[in-house]
Every structure is written in structure tokens, then in C-alpha cells.
C-alpha atoms as a PDB file:
ATOM      1  CA  MET A   1      15.210  -3.790 -14.207  1.00  0.00           C
ATOM      2  CA  SER A   2      12.427  -3.529 -10.342  1.00  0.00           C
ATOM      3  CA  LEU A   3      13.468  -0.721  -8.395  1.00  0.00           C
ATOM      4  CA  LEU A   4      14.518  -3.378  -6.229  1.00  0.00           C
ATOM      5  CA  ASP A   5      17.203  -4.105  -8.342  1.00  0.00           C
ATOM      6  CA  THR A   6      19.249  -0.482  -8.358  1.00  0.00           C
ATOM      7  CA  LEU A   7      17.849   1.291  -4.592  1.00  0.00           C
ATOM      8  CA  VAL A   8      20.926   1.442  -2.343  1.00  0.00           C
ATOM      9  CA  HIS A   9      21.102   2.949   0.486  1.00  0.00           C
ATOM     10  CA  GLU A  10      23.966   2.964   3.455  1.00  0.00           C
ATOM     11  CA  PHE A  11      24.825   4.803   6.581  1.00  0.00           C
ATOM     12  CA  GLN A  12      27.531   4.962   9.019  1.00  0.00           C
ATOM     13  CA  LYS A  13      27.451   5.113  12.508  1.00  0.00           C
ATOM     14  CA  GLU A  14      31.280   4.916  14.209  1.00  0.00           C
ATOM     15  CA  VAL A  15      31.912   1.856  13.760  1.00  0.00           C
ATOM     16  CA  PHE A  16      28.325   0.462  12.361  1.00  0.00           C
ATOM     17  CA  LEU A  17      26.886  -0.189   8.337  1.00  0.00           C
ATOM     18  CA  ILE A  18      23.269  -0.056   7.323  1.00  0.00           C
ATOM     19  CA  SER A  19      23.510  -0.976   3.260  1.00  0.00           C
ATOM     20  CA  THR A  20      20.852  -2.122   1.569  1.00  0.00           C
ATOM     21  CA  GLU A  21      23.234  -3.312  -0.682  1.00  0.00           C
ATOM     22  CA  LYS A  22      22.622  -7.280  -1.399  1.00  0.00           C
ATOM     23  CA  SER A  23      26.004  -7.912  -2.463  1.00  0.00           C
ATOM     24  CA  LYS A  24      27.134  -7.057   0.830  1.00  0.00           C
ATOM     25  CA  LEU A  25      24.653  -9.866   2.667  1.00  0.00           C
ATOM     26  CA  ASP A  26      25.902 -12.709   4.525  1.00  0.00           C
ATOM     27  CA  ILE A  27      23.424 -15.306   3.753  1.00  0.00           C
ATOM     28  CA  ASP A  28      24.956 -17.768   6.015  1.00  0.00           C
ATOM     29  CA  VAL A  29      24.914 -15.701   8.554  1.00  0.00           C
ATOM     30  CA  ILE A  30      21.299 -14.507   7.948  1.00  0.00           C
ATOM     31  CA  HIS A  31      19.919 -18.688   7.721  1.00  0.00           C
ATOM     32  CA  GLU A  32      21.238 -19.734  10.751  1.00  0.00           C
ATOM     33  CA  TYR A  33      19.431 -17.411  12.478  1.00  0.00           C
ATOM     34  CA  LEU A  34      16.306 -17.738  11.109  1.00  0.00           C
ATOM     35  CA  SER A  35      16.086 -20.773  11.584  1.00  0.00           C
ATOM     36  CA  LYS A  36      17.869 -21.932  14.152  1.00  0.00           C
ATOM     37  CA  ARG A  37      17.616 -18.614  16.817  1.00  0.00           C
ATOM     38  CA  SER A  38      14.545 -17.350  15.652  1.00  0.00           C
ATOM     39  CA  TYR A  39      11.356 -17.996  16.985  1.00  0.00           C
ATOM     40  CA  TRP A  40       8.303 -17.159  14.498  1.00  0.00           C
ATOM     41  CA  ALA A  41      10.691 -18.456  11.192  1.00  0.00           C
ATOM     42  CA  GLU A  42      12.252 -21.960  12.868  1.00  0.00           C
ATOM     43  CA  ASN A  43      13.884 -24.951  10.308  1.00  0.00           C
ATOM     44  CA  ILE A  44      13.296 -22.348   7.048  1.00  0.00           C
ATOM     45  CA  PRO A  45      15.486 -23.771   3.974  1.00  0.00           C
ATOM     46  CA  ARG A  46      18.227 -21.257   3.167  1.00  0.00           C
ATOM     47  CA  ASP A  47      16.182 -21.624  -1.060  1.00  0.00           C
ATOM     48  CA  ILE A  48      12.979 -19.522   0.970  1.00  0.00           C
ATOM     49  CA  ILE A  49      15.660 -16.959   2.410  1.00  0.00           C
ATOM     50  CA  GLU A  50      17.071 -16.449  -0.813  1.00  0.00           C
ATOM     51  CA  ARG A  51      13.953 -15.936  -2.489  1.00  0.00           C
ATOM     52  CA  SER A  52      12.535 -13.352   0.019  1.00  0.00           C
ATOM     53  CA  ILE A  53      14.883 -11.364  -0.215  1.00  0.00           C
ATOM     54  CA  GLN A  54      15.483 -11.671  -3.840  1.00  0.00           C
ATOM     55  CA  ASN A  55      11.958 -10.236  -3.130  1.00  0.00           C
ATOM     56  CA  SER A  56      12.326  -7.429  -0.530  1.00  0.00           C
ATOM     57  CA  LEU A  57      14.142  -4.448   0.280  1.00  0.00           C
ATOM     58  CA  CYS A  58      16.563  -5.568   3.020  1.00  0.00           C
ATOM     59  CA  PHE A  59      18.990  -4.327   5.304  1.00  0.00           C
ATOM     60  CA  GLY A  60      22.127  -5.039   6.424  1.00  0.00           C
ATOM     61  CA  ILE A  61      23.773  -4.267   9.822  1.00  0.00           C
ATOM     62  CA  TYR A  62      27.336  -4.963   9.299  1.00  0.00           C
ATOM     63  CA  HIS A  63      30.700  -4.683  12.285  1.00  0.00           C
ATOM     64  CA  ASN A  64      34.159  -4.534  10.080  1.00  0.00           C
ATOM     65  CA  ASN A  65      32.293  -6.096   7.004  1.00  0.00           C
ATOM     66  CA  ASN A  66      31.010  -8.414   9.438  1.00  0.00           C
ATOM     67  CA  GLN A  67      27.097  -9.040   8.605  1.00  0.00           C
ATOM     68  CA  ILE A  68      25.820  -8.834  12.765  1.00  0.00           C
ATOM     69  CA  GLY A  69      21.739  -7.504  11.618  1.00  0.00           C
ATOM     70  CA  PHE A  70      19.031  -7.847   9.131  1.00  0.00           C
ATOM     71  CA  ALA A  71      15.778  -6.940   8.622  1.00  0.00           C
ATOM     72  CA  ARG A  72      13.663  -6.555   5.289  1.00  0.00           C
ATOM     73  CA  VAL A  73      10.866  -4.628   3.889  1.00  0.00           C
ATOM     74  CA  VAL A  74       8.072  -5.859   1.688  1.00  0.00           C
ATOM     75  CA  THR A  75       6.222  -3.608  -0.612  1.00  0.00           C
ATOM     76  CA  ASP A  76       4.948  -1.693  -3.437  1.00  0.00           C
ATOM     77  CA  PHE A  77       6.678   1.189  -2.619  1.00  0.00           C
ATOM     78  CA  ALA A  78       3.139   3.503  -2.896  1.00  0.00           C
ATOM     79  CA  THR A  79       0.727   2.376  -0.114  1.00  0.00           C
ATOM     80  CA  PHE A  80       1.826  -0.167   2.200  1.00  0.00           C
ATOM     81  CA  GLY A  81       5.043  -1.970   3.481  1.00  0.00           C
ATOM     82  CA  TYR A  82       5.865  -5.126   5.603  1.00  0.00           C
ATOM     83  CA  LEU A  83       8.268  -4.926   8.542  1.00  0.00           C
ATOM     84  CA  GLY A  84       9.742  -8.995   8.595  1.00  0.00           C
ATOM     85  CA  ASP A  85      13.154 -10.846   9.775  1.00  0.00           C
ATOM     86  CA  VAL A  86      15.110  -7.897  12.226  1.00  0.00           C
ATOM     87  CA  PHE A  87      17.475  -9.505  13.899  1.00  0.00           C
ATOM     88  CA  ILE A  88      20.409  -7.824  16.200  1.00  0.00           C
ATOM     89  CA  LEU A  89      23.018 -11.215  16.614  1.00  0.00           C
ATOM     90  CA  GLU A  90      23.237 -11.514  20.513  1.00  0.00           C
ATOM     91  CA  GLU A  91      26.913 -10.041  21.577  1.00  0.00           C
ATOM     92  CA  TYR A  92      25.216  -6.338  19.570  1.00  0.00           C
ATOM     93  CA  ARG A  93      22.483  -5.851  20.706  1.00  0.00           C
ATOM     94  CA  GLY A  94      21.463  -3.431  23.555  1.00  0.00           C
ATOM     95  CA  GLN A  95      23.746  -0.884  21.604  1.00  0.00           C
ATOM     96  CA  GLY A  96      21.007   1.091  20.350  1.00  0.00           C
ATOM     97  CA  LEU A  97      21.218  -0.833  16.963  1.00  0.00           C
ATOM     98  CA  SER A  98      17.747  -1.909  16.501  1.00  0.00           C
ATOM     99  CA  LYS A  99      16.751   1.478  16.967  1.00  0.00           C
ATOM    100  CA  TRP A 100      18.867   3.599  14.507  1.00  0.00           C
ATOM    101  CA  LEU A 101      17.766   0.591  12.669  1.00  0.00           C
ATOM    102  CA  MET A 102      14.638   1.233  12.284  1.00  0.00           C
ATOM    103  CA  ASP A 103      14.576   4.874  12.253  1.00  0.00           C
ATOM    104  CA  CYS A 104      17.266   4.279   8.902  1.00  0.00           C
ATOM    105  CA  ILE A 105      13.582   2.446   7.604  1.00  0.00           C
ATOM    106  CA  PHE A 106      11.359   4.837   8.883  1.00  0.00           C
ATOM    107  CA  ASN A 107      12.917   8.091   8.716  1.00  0.00           C
ATOM    108  CA  LYS A 108      15.739   8.403   5.836  1.00  0.00           C
ATOM    109  CA  ILE A 109      14.869   5.593   3.589  1.00  0.00           C
ATOM    110  CA  PRO A 110      13.183   8.574   1.097  1.00  0.00           C
ATOM    111  CA  GLU A 111      11.210   5.436  -1.354  1.00  0.00           C
ATOM    112  CA  LEU A 112       9.641   4.435   2.364  1.00  0.00           C
ATOM    113  CA  GLN A 113       7.792   7.118   3.020  1.00  0.00           C
ATOM    114  CA  GLY A 114       4.105   8.523   3.079  1.00  0.00           C
ATOM    115  CA  PHE A 115       2.711   5.308   3.314  1.00  0.00           C
ATOM    116  CA  ARG A 116      -0.908   4.338   3.612  1.00  0.00           C
ATOM    117  CA  ARG A 117      -0.017   1.649   5.928  1.00  0.00           C
ATOM    118  CA  TRP A 118       2.652  -1.244   8.053  1.00  0.00           C
ATOM    119  CA  SER A 119       2.590  -4.015   9.115  1.00  0.00           C
ATOM    120  CA  LEU A 120       4.499  -5.785  11.400  1.00  0.00           C
ATOM    121  CA  ALA A 121       4.319  -8.906  14.053  1.00  0.00           C
ATOM    122  CA  THR A 122       5.425  -9.618  17.258  1.00  0.00           C
ATOM    123  CA  ALA A 123       6.656 -12.095  20.097  1.00  0.00           C
ATOM    124  CA  ASP A 124       8.589  -9.160  22.242  1.00  0.00           C
ATOM    125  CA  ALA A 125       9.787  -6.548  21.207  1.00  0.00           C
ATOM    126  CA  HIS A 126       5.948  -3.944  20.883  1.00  0.00           C
ATOM    127  CA  GLY A 127       8.698  -1.565  22.815  1.00  0.00           C
ATOM    128  CA  LEU A 128      10.739  -0.727  20.217  1.00  0.00           C
ATOM    129  CA  TYR A 129       8.289  -0.415  17.722  1.00  0.00           C
ATOM    130  CA  GLU A 130       5.972   1.476  19.808  1.00  0.00           C
ATOM    131  CA  GLN A 131       8.237   4.528  20.049  1.00  0.00           C
ATOM    132  CA  PHE A 132       8.398   4.344  15.640  1.00  0.00           C
ATOM    133  CA  GLY A 133       4.391   4.708  16.055  1.00  0.00           C
ATOM    134  CA  PHE A 134       3.817   1.236  15.658  1.00  0.00           C
ATOM    135  CA  THR A 135       0.526   0.214  17.356  1.00  0.00           C
ATOM    136  CA  ALA A 136      -2.275  -3.610  18.400  1.00  0.00           C
ATOM    137  CA  LEU A 137      -4.823  -3.158  15.680  1.00  0.00           C
ATOM    138  CA  ALA A 138      -7.036  -0.326  15.379  1.00  0.00           C
ATOM    139  CA  ARG A 139      -9.559  -2.563  13.486  1.00  0.00           C
ATOM    140  CA  PRO A 140      -8.525  -6.600  14.243  1.00  0.00           C
ATOM    141  CA  GLU A 141     -11.477  -7.169  13.121  1.00  0.00           C
ATOM    142  CA  ARG A 142     -11.394  -6.676   9.337  1.00  0.00           C
ATOM    143  CA  MET A 143      -7.607  -7.964   9.442  1.00  0.00           C
ATOM    144  CA  MET A 144      -7.541 -11.544   8.308  1.00  0.00           C
ATOM    145  CA  GLU A 145      -4.735 -14.487   7.619  1.00  0.00           C
ATOM    146  CA  LYS A 146      -4.207 -17.267   5.756  1.00  0.00           C
ATOM    147  CA  ILE A 147      -0.731 -19.927   7.629  1.00  0.00           C
ATOM    148  CA  ASN A 148       0.359 -22.805   6.790  1.00  0.00           C
ATOM    149  CA  PHE A 149       1.029 -24.348   9.360  1.00  0.00           C
ATOM    150  CA  THR A 150       3.248 -27.665   7.543  1.00  0.00           C
ATOM    151  CA  LYS A 151       5.581 -25.114   5.729  1.00  0.00           C
ATOM    152  CA  TYR A 152       9.270 -26.160   6.509  1.00  0.00           C
END
């Protein structure tokens, strides 16, 4: 059994809950948002979402047991973390939930502290992530990527 299978943290704020318990995740909500409303995972198949969840530390945000947000961290739990698939459903935005989620991920999960590097990609949320220490790449000439544009 891996750390991903045993790591559970929960945080309550008024009527909202953030949990890393995978059994609480509503895959239908996650898939619908990512495949139909996100710019970064348009048309992503459900089985790919399920596999990404299985192999990541996932954060669900809930209101009255209904999932209203999500984020996942891909990590080795030692040196590196990649934050991806972050969303809050439109009707719940503007309540500070994204900021609370980032605070929980970056400040309240002991297993995610002390990494040498965090990474993420965003087209429109720079202001949020800058509040948690993210900046543009210091040495972009050192970074490379391999993209498969034919995938989903």
C-alpha cells in the first residue's frame, strides 16, 4: 500500500469541507467539469480522469456533501509537486474557496512541506498562485516539455 492510499486530511470551514479521502470524490462532477468546462482538459476521457485520480493526491471541496471543487497533486512526497486540475464550480466562486484550498495544500499537509520545487500551469489564475509564492520560471531555458496534441 502506498502513501497515496493511506493519506487522509480534512479541513472544515463554516459549511465547506476539504478532504483528501478519495472515496468522497464525485468522478461525474470532476469529469464533467474537466472535459466540458476547462480549457486544459477539454474532451478528456473518463478513464484517464480515473487513472489520474488513482495516482495523485486529490483534494475535494464539498458543500453539504456535494462536490464543488477539486485539485490534485502529483508528487514523490520528497522533492517535487505538480499542482493540476484545480477548479471551483462557477456558482461557488468569489467566496475565497480557491485561496483556502491553496492554503491547505501548501501550508497544512505535512507530507507536502519542504519540497525543492513546485510546478503548475495556468492561463488565468496567476494572481492566486502568486499569493503562495509561485513566480514565472526563473530559468525557462532549462525547462522542456513533450506534448502529445493528438491525445483526447
